[in-house]
Amino acid sequence: MDKLLIRGGKPLKGQIPVSGAKNAALPLQAACLLTDEKLTLTNLPLLADITTMNRLLAQHGVEVHINGRDAFGSSGRSVELDANEIFNTTAPYDLVRKMRASVLVLGPLLARFGQAKVSLPGGCAIGTRPVDLHIKGLQAMGAQIDIEGGYILARAPQGGLVGAEFVFPQVSVGATENLMMAATLAKGETVLVNAAREPEIGDLARCLIAMGAEIEGIGSDRLVIKGKDRLHGATYAVLPDRIEAGTFAMAAAITGGELELLGAKLDDLKAVAKTLAAANVKVSETANGLLVSATAGELVGVDVMTEPFPGFPTDLQAQMMALMCVAKGASMITETIFENRFMHVPELARMGANITVHGSSALVRGVPRLTGAPVMATDLRASVSLVLAGLAAQGETVVNRIYHLDRGYERIEHKLAACGADMERVKEAD
């Protein structure tokens, strides 16, 4: 099992290209199931979760070609997905348990083939994250759904799914994506109210439109989808990863450095940029992306509350906490999206952080410096918060169980080392 060795204390300086967004790519991959023609995705990140989704699609019968080769995990930026001959509508436990986003095949399979059997999902251990809204939305479109033996068993009515109005009782990114995809092949009009507004939702909608779908309200909390008899193939570029960009922005901040994040978009990071500005970190637009500079003086503690987009993203909460560990004063970080997303706190404490958790809030009192220590990654975003802490810490930090990191960050040690970080990946003996 690999681990990262980080010798901290070096300011980062240079340029980092932002990869395609994992959270956009995964639903885009699942969208291939909506058509019998080829869907080509470019700017695809090279991540463990992307490979898992490719394997899941392949076992359904999708032909997967990465850069023209029938392979998984090869170097490349494009994938061609051909779902012309689907012979299996079951998404098995062994694959789905590895990644929660696997449930996104449910809507497309049900809409196009009238049936689907999808294992209840797994993924990071940051809360239950139930799929009840996926199920209720599909039931509103006429689907008959049962839970049996750990699987979602879904059948469409004779003649297919039917458009409906569905009001989300709370914002759900995954359920919005699943229902939007299903609605593109439903009979009539579907209206999704209180829909998620994340940039990844808009990216999926634009790809579906390129495939022939009719969708209105992109960027708002009310999506109107007019169903079509069929969709066609398309070529579509995955948008840059705002979470990766935000992570590297905080890497620049925590090391007192300056990074240009190539491809990053301020519109996708306004809440983050505003929060960083309050912490004495400058974020400005350039011709090629965003420039993040923390060279003007010491960091200042700021309060943060996670919210659905356009609020501060939950996927950057752990990174922000690491940053606040070395800021002057105190900050209160409140998590409103997931109920179990402070598992990085004990590991940060091993490095000298002063954090007190009260329910869904964590009080962080800044310390003059963190100290390197062996730490353990518990989930994707927690793992990268430990990397950030290690970059700022005095001495050597060893981050174990970095397979979590590989699910969401492409070659992170190479990107950071190219900007001055002293870090390396080490393979542990079996």
Protein backbone atom coordinates (compact mmCIF):
# COMPACT_ATOMS: atom_id res chain seq x y z
CA MET A 1 0.00 0.00 0.00
CA ASP A 2 1.42 3.40 -1.00
CA LYS A 3 2.07 6.27 1.38
CA LEU A 4 3.24 9.87 0.98
CA LEU A 5 6.34 11.29 2.64
CA ILE A 6 6.20 15.06 3.01
CA ARG A 7 8.93 17.31 4.37
CA GLY A 8 7.14 20.56 5.05
CA GLY A 9 8.03 24.22 5.33
CA LYS A 10 8.58 25.09 1.67
CA PRO A 11 6.42 27.81 0.04
CA LEU A 12 4.81 26.64 -3.18
CA LYS A 13 5.38 28.75 -6.27
CA GLY A 14 4.54 28.09 -9.92
CA GLN A 15 1.69 26.85 -12.09
CA ILE A 16 -0.57 23.83 -11.62
CA PRO A 17 -2.89 22.60 -14.39
CA VAL A 18 -6.33 21.77 -12.98
CA SER A 19 -7.60 18.37 -14.10
CA GLY A 20 -11.09 17.55 -15.29
CA ALA A 21 -13.65 17.34 -12.49
CA LYS A 22 -14.20 13.90 -10.99
CA ASN A 23 -17.67 14.86 -9.77
CA ALA A 24 -18.62 15.95 -13.28
CA ALA A 25 -16.94 13.08 -15.13
CA LEU A 26 -18.71 10.28 -13.24
CA PRO A 27 -22.30 11.26 -14.20
CA LEU A 28 -21.09 12.08 -17.72
CA GLN A 29 -19.74 8.54 -18.01
CA ALA A 30 -23.08 7.12 -16.83
CA ALA A 31 -24.88 9.25 -19.45
CA CYS A 32 -23.48 6.99 -22.18
CA LEU A 33 -26.16 4.45 -21.20
CA LEU A 34 -28.85 6.80 -22.56
CA THR A 35 -27.85 6.29 -26.21
CA ASP A 36 -26.89 3.52 -28.62
CA GLU A 37 -24.35 5.86 -30.22
CA LYS A 38 -20.84 6.70 -29.02
CA LEU A 39 -20.22 9.28 -26.33
CA THR A 40 -16.68 10.66 -26.29
CA LEU A 41 -15.51 12.52 -23.19
CA THR A 42 -12.35 14.62 -23.23
CA ASN A 43 -10.41 16.25 -20.37
CA LEU A 44 -11.09 13.13 -18.32
CA PRO A 45 -9.09 12.93 -15.07
CA LEU A 46 -6.99 9.83 -14.46
CA LEU A 47 -8.40 8.65 -11.14
CA ALA A 48 -9.32 5.44 -9.39
CA ASP A 49 -13.03 6.41 -9.36
CA ILE A 50 -12.99 6.98 -13.13
CA THR A 51 -11.52 3.51 -13.62
CA THR A 52 -14.16 2.01 -11.31
CA MET A 53 -16.94 3.63 -13.34
CA ASN A 54 -15.40 2.37 -16.57
CA ARG A 55 -15.32 -1.15 -15.14
CA LEU A 56 -18.93 -0.87 -14.03
CA LEU A 57 -20.03 0.31 -17.47
CA ALA A 58 -18.02 -2.44 -19.17
CA GLN A 59 -19.78 -5.16 -17.19
CA HIS A 60 -23.10 -3.71 -18.42
CA GLY A 61 -21.83 -4.21 -21.98
CA VAL A 62 -20.39 -0.76 -22.75
CA GLU A 63 -17.32 -0.80 -24.97
CA VAL A 64 -14.73 1.40 -23.27
CA HIS A 65 -11.80 2.76 -25.29
CA ILE A 66 -9.32 5.05 -23.59
CA ASN A 67 -7.30 7.00 -26.16
CA GLY A 68 -8.25 4.42 -28.75
CA ARG A 69 -7.19 1.45 -26.60
CA ASP A 70 -9.36 -1.06 -24.83
CA ALA A 71 -7.71 -0.61 -21.43
CA PHE A 72 -8.28 0.71 -17.95
CA GLY A 73 -6.11 3.20 -16.12
CA SER A 74 -3.88 3.93 -19.14
CA SER A 75 -2.51 7.42 -19.59
CA GLY A 76 -4.83 9.61 -21.55
CA ARG A 77 -7.38 12.37 -21.56
CA SER A 78 -10.27 10.96 -23.56
CA VAL A 79 -12.59 7.98 -23.35
CA GLU A 80 -14.98 6.63 -25.97
CA LEU A 81 -18.06 4.90 -24.54
CA ASP A 82 -20.28 2.78 -26.79
CA ALA A 83 -23.44 1.46 -25.11
CA ASN A 84 -25.00 0.05 -28.28
CA GLU A 85 -25.20 -3.52 -26.98
CA ILE A 86 -26.11 -3.62 -23.30
CA PHE A 87 -26.50 -7.22 -22.12
CA ASN A 88 -26.72 -6.68 -18.37
CA THR A 89 -28.78 -4.20 -16.35
CA THR A 90 -27.39 -5.24 -12.96
CA ALA A 91 -24.80 -3.12 -11.15
CA PRO A 92 -23.19 -5.59 -8.72
CA TYR A 93 -22.22 -5.03 -5.10
CA ASP A 94 -18.52 -5.75 -5.67
CA LEU A 95 -18.21 -2.68 -7.91
CA VAL A 96 -20.84 -0.38 -6.45
CA ARG A 97 -19.50 -0.73 -2.90
CA LYS A 98 -16.24 0.92 -4.01
CA MET A 99 -17.86 4.15 -5.11
CA ARG A 100 -21.13 5.83 -4.24
CA ALA A 101 -21.46 7.46 -7.68
CA SER A 102 -22.12 4.01 -9.16
CA VAL A 103 -25.79 4.54 -8.30
CA LEU A 104 -25.88 7.02 -11.21
CA VAL A 105 -26.40 4.13 -13.65
CA LEU A 106 -29.85 3.57 -12.11
CA GLY A 107 -31.71 6.37 -13.90
CA PRO A 108 -30.19 5.81 -17.38
CA LEU A 109 -30.66 2.01 -17.28
CA LEU A 110 -34.25 2.33 -16.11
CA ALA A 111 -35.12 5.03 -18.65
CA ARG A 112 -33.63 3.27 -21.69
CA PHE A 113 -34.18 -0.41 -20.87
CA GLY A 114 -37.14 -0.31 -18.52
CA GLN A 115 -35.38 -2.12 -15.71
CA ALA A 116 -32.35 -1.95 -13.46
CA LYS A 117 -30.91 -3.82 -10.49
CA VAL A 118 -28.38 -1.67 -8.65
CA SER A 119 -26.63 -2.48 -5.40
CA LEU A 120 -27.06 -0.01 -2.58
CA PRO A 121 -23.93 2.15 -2.83
CA GLY A 122 -20.76 2.47 -0.78
CA GLY A 123 -17.88 4.94 -0.99
CA CYS A 124 -16.31 7.18 1.65
CA ALA A 125 -17.36 6.64 5.25
CA ILE A 126 -18.61 10.20 5.78
CA GLY A 127 -22.23 9.49 6.58
CA THR A 128 -25.17 7.43 5.44
CA ARG A 129 -26.02 9.52 2.36
CA PRO A 130 -29.22 7.55 1.62
CA VAL A 131 -30.58 7.07 -1.89
CA ASP A 132 -34.20 7.68 -0.90
CA LEU A 133 -34.49 10.81 -3.05
CA HIS A 134 -33.27 8.92 -6.13
CA ILE A 135 -35.95 6.30 -5.48
CA LYS A 136 -38.80 8.71 -4.68
CA GLY A 137 -38.07 10.78 -7.79
CA LEU A 138 -38.13 7.73 -10.05
CA GLN A 139 -41.32 6.52 -8.38
CA ALA A 140 -42.89 9.90 -9.19
CA MET A 141 -42.05 9.11 -12.84
CA GLY A 142 -43.97 5.84 -12.59
CA ALA A 143 -41.22 3.40 -11.64
CA GLN A 144 -41.92 0.42 -9.42
CA ILE A 145 -39.04 0.06 -6.98
CA ASP A 146 -38.29 -2.51 -4.29
CA ILE A 147 -35.29 -2.98 -2.01
CA GLU A 148 -34.32 -6.62 -1.76
CA GLY A 149 -31.11 -8.30 -0.65
CA GLY A 150 -29.17 -5.06 -0.62
CA TYR A 151 -30.24 -4.16 -4.16
CA ILE A 152 -32.53 -1.55 -5.68
CA LEU A 153 -34.89 -3.40 -8.04
CA ALA A 154 -36.50 -0.94 -10.46
CA ARG A 155 -38.98 -1.39 -13.30
CA ALA A 156 -40.54 1.24 -15.55
CA PRO A 157 -44.22 1.06 -16.42
CA GLN A 158 -45.21 -0.38 -19.78
CA GLY A 159 -44.39 2.34 -22.29
CA GLY A 160 -41.57 3.77 -20.20
CA LEU A 161 -41.12 6.43 -17.56
CA VAL A 162 -43.51 9.37 -17.55
CA GLY A 163 -42.62 13.01 -16.89
CA ALA A 164 -43.58 14.39 -13.50
CA GLU A 165 -42.94 17.26 -11.10
CA PHE A 166 -40.69 16.33 -8.22
CA VAL A 167 -39.83 18.65 -5.34
CA PHE A 168 -36.62 17.74 -3.51
CA PRO A 169 -37.19 18.08 0.25
CA GLN A 170 -33.46 18.85 0.51
CA VAL A 171 -30.81 19.51 -2.09
CA SER A 172 -29.20 16.36 -3.49
CA VAL A 173 -26.57 16.48 -6.23
CA GLY A 174 -26.66 12.77 -7.04
CA ALA A 175 -30.45 12.53 -7.08
CA THR A 176 -30.69 15.61 -9.32
CA GLU A 177 -28.26 13.98 -11.76
CA ASN A 178 -30.02 10.62 -11.75
CA LEU A 179 -33.49 12.09 -12.25
CA MET A 180 -32.32 14.54 -14.92
CA MET A 181 -30.79 11.69 -16.94
CA ALA A 182 -33.88 9.52 -16.55
CA ALA A 183 -36.16 12.41 -17.56
CA THR A 184 -34.40 12.89 -20.90
CA LEU A 185 -36.02 9.64 -22.14
CA ALA A 186 -39.31 9.90 -20.22
CA LYS A 187 -42.62 10.63 -21.91
CA GLY A 188 -43.57 14.28 -21.55
CA GLU A 189 -42.16 17.00 -19.32
CA THR A 190 -40.35 16.59 -16.01
CA VAL A 191 -39.88 19.50 -13.58
CA LEU A 192 -37.29 19.18 -10.81
CA VAL A 193 -37.85 21.75 -8.05
CA ASN A 194 -35.19 22.61 -5.43
CA ALA A 195 -32.70 20.90 -7.72
CA ALA A 196 -28.98 21.08 -6.98
CA ARG A 197 -27.19 24.01 -8.65
CA GLU A 198 -23.58 22.78 -8.53
CA PRO A 199 -21.48 23.44 -11.65
CA GLU A 200 -21.28 19.68 -12.22
CA ILE A 201 -25.08 19.62 -12.66
CA GLY A 202 -24.80 22.25 -15.38
CA ASP A 203 -21.99 20.31 -17.02
CA LEU A 204 -24.13 17.17 -17.19
CA ALA A 205 -27.07 19.17 -18.55
CA ARG A 206 -24.93 20.70 -21.31
CA CYS A 207 -23.64 17.26 -22.28
CA LEU A 208 -27.18 15.87 -22.41
CA ILE A 209 -28.21 18.80 -24.59
CA ALA A 210 -25.30 17.99 -26.91
CA MET A 211 -26.79 14.47 -27.07
CA GLY A 212 -30.17 15.87 -28.14
CA ALA A 213 -31.91 16.45 -24.81
CA GLU A 214 -34.08 19.50 -24.14
CA ILE A 215 -33.33 21.06 -20.73
CA GLU A 216 -34.16 24.51 -19.38
CA GLY A 217 -33.14 26.25 -16.17
CA ILE A 218 -29.45 25.36 -16.05
CA GLY A 219 -27.85 27.06 -13.05
CA SER A 220 -31.17 27.52 -11.26
CA ASP A 221 -32.98 25.34 -8.73
CA ARG A 222 -35.77 24.55 -11.20
CA LEU A 223 -34.95 22.27 -14.11
CA VAL A 224 -37.43 21.53 -16.89
CA ILE A 225 -36.67 18.48 -19.04
CA LYS A 226 -38.75 17.56 -22.08
CA GLY A 227 -38.35 13.87 -22.81
CA LYS A 228 -37.18 12.55 -26.17
CA ASP A 229 -37.66 9.18 -27.87
CA ARG A 230 -33.90 8.77 -28.14
CA LEU A 231 -30.61 10.60 -27.66
CA HIS A 232 -27.61 10.51 -29.98
CA GLY A 233 -23.87 10.45 -29.50
CA ALA A 234 -21.67 13.47 -28.82
CA THR A 235 -18.19 14.65 -27.94
CA TYR A 236 -17.95 16.64 -24.73
CA ALA A 237 -15.14 18.10 -22.58
CA VAL A 238 -15.34 17.67 -18.79
CA LEU A 239 -15.17 20.99 -16.93
CA PRO A 240 -12.13 21.78 -14.71
CA ASP A 241 -12.30 20.46 -11.14
CA ARG A 242 -13.28 23.28 -8.77
CA ILE A 243 -12.51 21.10 -5.74
CA GLU A 244 -9.00 20.35 -6.96
CA ALA A 245 -8.54 24.04 -7.73
CA GLY A 246 -9.77 25.00 -4.27
CA THR A 247 -7.45 22.45 -2.69
CA PHE A 248 -4.41 23.85 -4.50
CA ALA A 249 -5.49 27.38 -3.59
CA MET A 250 -5.33 26.34 0.06
CA ALA A 251 -1.99 24.63 -0.55
CA ALA A 252 -0.62 27.98 -1.72
CA ALA A 253 -2.17 29.67 1.32
CA ILE A 254 -0.97 27.22 3.96
CA THR A 255 2.63 27.39 2.69
CA GLY A 256 2.70 31.18 2.24
CA GLY A 257 3.23 30.70 -1.47
CA GLU A 258 1.81 31.75 -4.82
CA LEU A 259 0.25 29.47 -7.41
CA GLU A 260 -1.44 30.03 -10.76
CA LEU A 261 -4.17 27.44 -11.20
CA LEU A 262 -4.50 26.86 -14.93
CA GLY A 263 -8.07 26.33 -16.09
CA ALA A 264 -9.69 27.22 -12.75
CA LYS A 265 -12.86 29.33 -12.94
CA LEU A 266 -13.69 32.04 -10.41
CA ASP A 267 -17.43 31.66 -11.06
CA ASP A 268 -17.21 28.12 -9.65
CA LEU A 269 -15.24 29.23 -6.57
CA LYS A 270 -16.73 32.58 -5.51
CA ALA A 271 -17.59 31.47 -1.97
CA VAL A 272 -14.12 29.97 -1.55
CA ALA A 273 -12.39 33.06 -2.93
CA LYS A 274 -14.41 35.30 -0.58
CA THR A 275 -13.49 33.14 2.41
CA LEU A 276 -9.80 33.06 1.46
CA ALA A 277 -9.80 36.84 1.01
CA ALA A 278 -11.12 37.23 4.55
CA ALA A 279 -8.24 35.00 5.70
CA ASN A 280 -5.72 37.35 4.03
CA VAL A 281 -5.21 35.26 0.88
CA LYS A 282 -5.50 37.03 -2.46
CA VAL A 283 -7.35 35.31 -5.31
CA SER A 284 -7.43 37.02 -8.71
CA GLU A 285 -8.28 36.05 -12.26
CA THR A 286 -5.59 35.66 -14.93
CA ALA A 287 -5.78 35.03 -18.65
CA ASN A 288 -5.29 31.31 -17.96
CA GLY A 289 -7.06 30.72 -14.67
CA LEU A 290 -6.65 31.98 -11.10
CA LEU A 291 -3.66 33.37 -9.20
CA VAL A 292 -3.62 32.58 -5.47
CA SER A 293 -1.12 34.47 -3.32
CA ALA A 294 -0.49 34.28 0.43
CA THR A 295 2.69 36.33 0.51
CA ALA A 296 1.20 39.51 1.98
CA GLY A 297 1.27 38.49 5.66
CA GLU A 298 -0.06 36.05 8.23
CA LEU A 299 -3.25 34.08 7.84
CA VAL A 300 -6.30 35.18 9.81
CA GLY A 301 -8.93 32.84 11.24
CA VAL A 302 -12.37 32.99 9.60
CA ASP A 303 -15.65 31.19 10.27
CA VAL A 304 -16.93 28.78 7.61
CA MET A 305 -20.24 26.98 7.11
CA THR A 306 -20.66 24.42 4.34
CA GLU A 307 -23.72 24.86 2.12
CA PRO A 308 -25.01 23.63 -1.24
CA PHE A 309 -23.68 25.62 -4.20
CA PRO A 310 -23.18 28.56 -4.44
CA GLY A 311 -22.18 28.30 -0.77
CA PHE A 312 -18.90 26.98 0.59
CA PRO A 313 -18.50 23.37 -0.62
CA THR A 314 -18.42 20.49 1.83
CA ASP A 315 -15.68 18.92 -0.30
CA LEU A 316 -13.33 21.75 0.77
CA GLN A 317 -14.19 21.77 4.47
CA ALA A 318 -11.34 19.50 5.57
CA GLN A 319 -8.80 21.50 3.55
CA MET A 320 -10.08 24.76 5.04
CA MET A 321 -9.76 23.29 8.51
CA ALA A 322 -6.12 22.41 7.85
CA LEU A 323 -5.53 26.00 6.73
CA MET A 324 -7.19 27.44 9.84
CA CYS A 325 -4.92 25.29 12.04
CA VAL A 326 -2.05 27.71 11.30
CA ALA A 327 -4.07 30.95 11.12
CA LYS A 328 -3.96 33.69 13.74
CA GLY A 329 -6.87 33.54 16.14
CA ALA A 330 -9.80 31.15 16.15
CA SER A 331 -12.28 29.97 13.55
CA MET A 332 -15.52 28.01 13.71
CA ILE A 333 -16.11 25.47 10.95
CA THR A 334 -19.65 24.13 10.68
CA GLU A 335 -20.56 21.13 8.53
CA THR A 336 -24.20 21.10 7.36
CA ILE A 337 -24.08 18.56 4.51
CA PHE A 338 -22.67 15.34 5.96
CA GLU A 339 -22.99 14.24 9.57
CA ASN A 340 -19.65 12.44 9.93
CA ARG A 341 -17.10 14.59 8.18
CA PHE A 342 -14.68 15.49 10.97
CA MET A 343 -12.69 12.25 10.93
CA HIS A 344 -9.56 14.19 9.99
CA VAL A 345 -9.62 16.06 13.30
CA PRO A 346 -7.78 13.42 15.39
CA GLU A 347 -5.10 13.13 12.70
CA LEU A 348 -4.59 16.90 12.53
CA ALA A 349 -4.36 16.88 16.33
CA ARG A 350 -1.46 14.41 16.05
CA MET A 351 0.36 17.15 14.16
CA GLY A 352 -0.24 19.70 16.92
CA ALA A 353 -3.54 21.24 15.78
CA ASN A 354 -5.85 22.65 18.45
CA ILE A 355 -9.38 21.62 17.46
CA THR A 356 -12.46 21.07 19.61
CA VAL A 357 -15.52 19.44 18.04
CA HIS A 358 -19.02 20.35 19.23
CA GLY A 359 -21.56 18.32 17.26
CA SER A 360 -21.56 19.64 13.70
CA SER A 361 -19.09 22.44 14.45
CA ALA A 362 -15.36 22.48 15.11
CA LEU A 363 -13.58 25.29 16.93
CA VAL A 364 -10.07 25.67 15.52
CA ARG A 365 -7.53 27.72 17.47
CA GLY A 366 -4.54 28.55 15.31
CA VAL A 367 -1.08 27.40 16.44
CA PRO A 368 2.30 28.88 15.45
CA ARG A 369 3.28 25.73 13.60
CA LEU A 370 2.30 22.13 12.96
CA THR A 371 4.75 19.28 13.48
CA GLY A 372 5.23 16.35 11.10
CA ALA A 373 3.83 13.00 12.24
CA PRO A 374 2.57 9.69 10.83
CA VAL A 375 -1.13 10.10 10.04
CA MET A 376 -3.90 7.97 8.53
CA ALA A 377 -6.27 9.00 5.74
CA THR A 378 -9.92 8.15 6.44
CA ASP A 379 -11.67 9.46 3.32
CA LEU A 380 -10.91 11.37 0.14
CA ARG A 381 -11.04 14.98 1.32
CA ALA A 382 -9.68 14.16 4.79
CA SER A 383 -6.63 12.61 3.15
CA VAL A 384 -5.78 15.75 1.20
CA SER A 385 -6.23 17.92 4.29
CA LEU A 386 -3.42 15.90 5.87
CA VAL A 387 -1.27 16.53 2.78
CA LEU A 388 -1.85 20.28 3.18
CA ALA A 389 -0.98 20.10 6.87
CA GLY A 390 2.16 18.18 5.99
CA LEU A 391 3.20 20.85 3.50
CA ALA A 392 3.12 23.45 6.29
CA ALA A 393 4.47 21.28 9.12
CA GLN A 394 7.95 21.29 10.55
CA GLY A 395 9.67 17.96 9.91
CA GLU A 396 8.41 14.88 8.08
CA THR A 397 4.80 13.79 7.71
CA VAL A 398 3.84 10.32 6.53
CA VAL A 399 0.32 10.02 5.11
CA ASN A 400 -0.86 6.41 5.09
CA ARG A 401 -3.74 4.79 3.20
CA ILE A 402 -3.52 7.22 0.30
CA TYR A 403 -5.68 5.04 -1.92
CA HIS A 404 -8.39 7.45 -0.75
CA LEU A 405 -6.35 10.28 -2.25
CA ASP A 406 -6.03 8.49 -5.58
CA ARG A 407 -9.80 8.40 -5.89
CA GLY A 408 -9.97 12.15 -6.40
CA TYR A 409 -6.57 13.73 -7.09
CA GLU A 410 -4.59 13.06 -10.23
CA ARG A 411 -0.83 12.73 -9.65
CA ILE A 412 -1.01 15.19 -6.77
CA GLU A 413 2.54 14.54 -5.59
CA HIS A 414 3.90 15.39 -9.07
CA LYS A 415 1.85 18.57 -9.37
CA LEU A 416 2.92 19.84 -5.95
CA ALA A 417 6.57 18.77 -6.28
CA ALA A 418 6.80 20.71 -9.55
CA CYS A 419 6.00 23.84 -7.51
CA GLY A 420 8.57 23.24 -4.79
CA ALA A 421 6.98 20.73 -2.43
CA ASP A 422 9.39 18.19 -0.93
CA MET A 423 7.27 15.05 -1.15
CA GLU A 424 7.34 11.59 -2.65
CA ARG A 425 5.21 8.49 -2.97
CA VAL A 426 6.64 5.41 -1.29
CA LYS A 427 5.46 1.86 -1.85
CA GLU A 428 5.22 -0.16 1.34
CA ALA A 429 6.44 -3.71 1.36
CA ASP A 430 3.65 -6.26 1.45
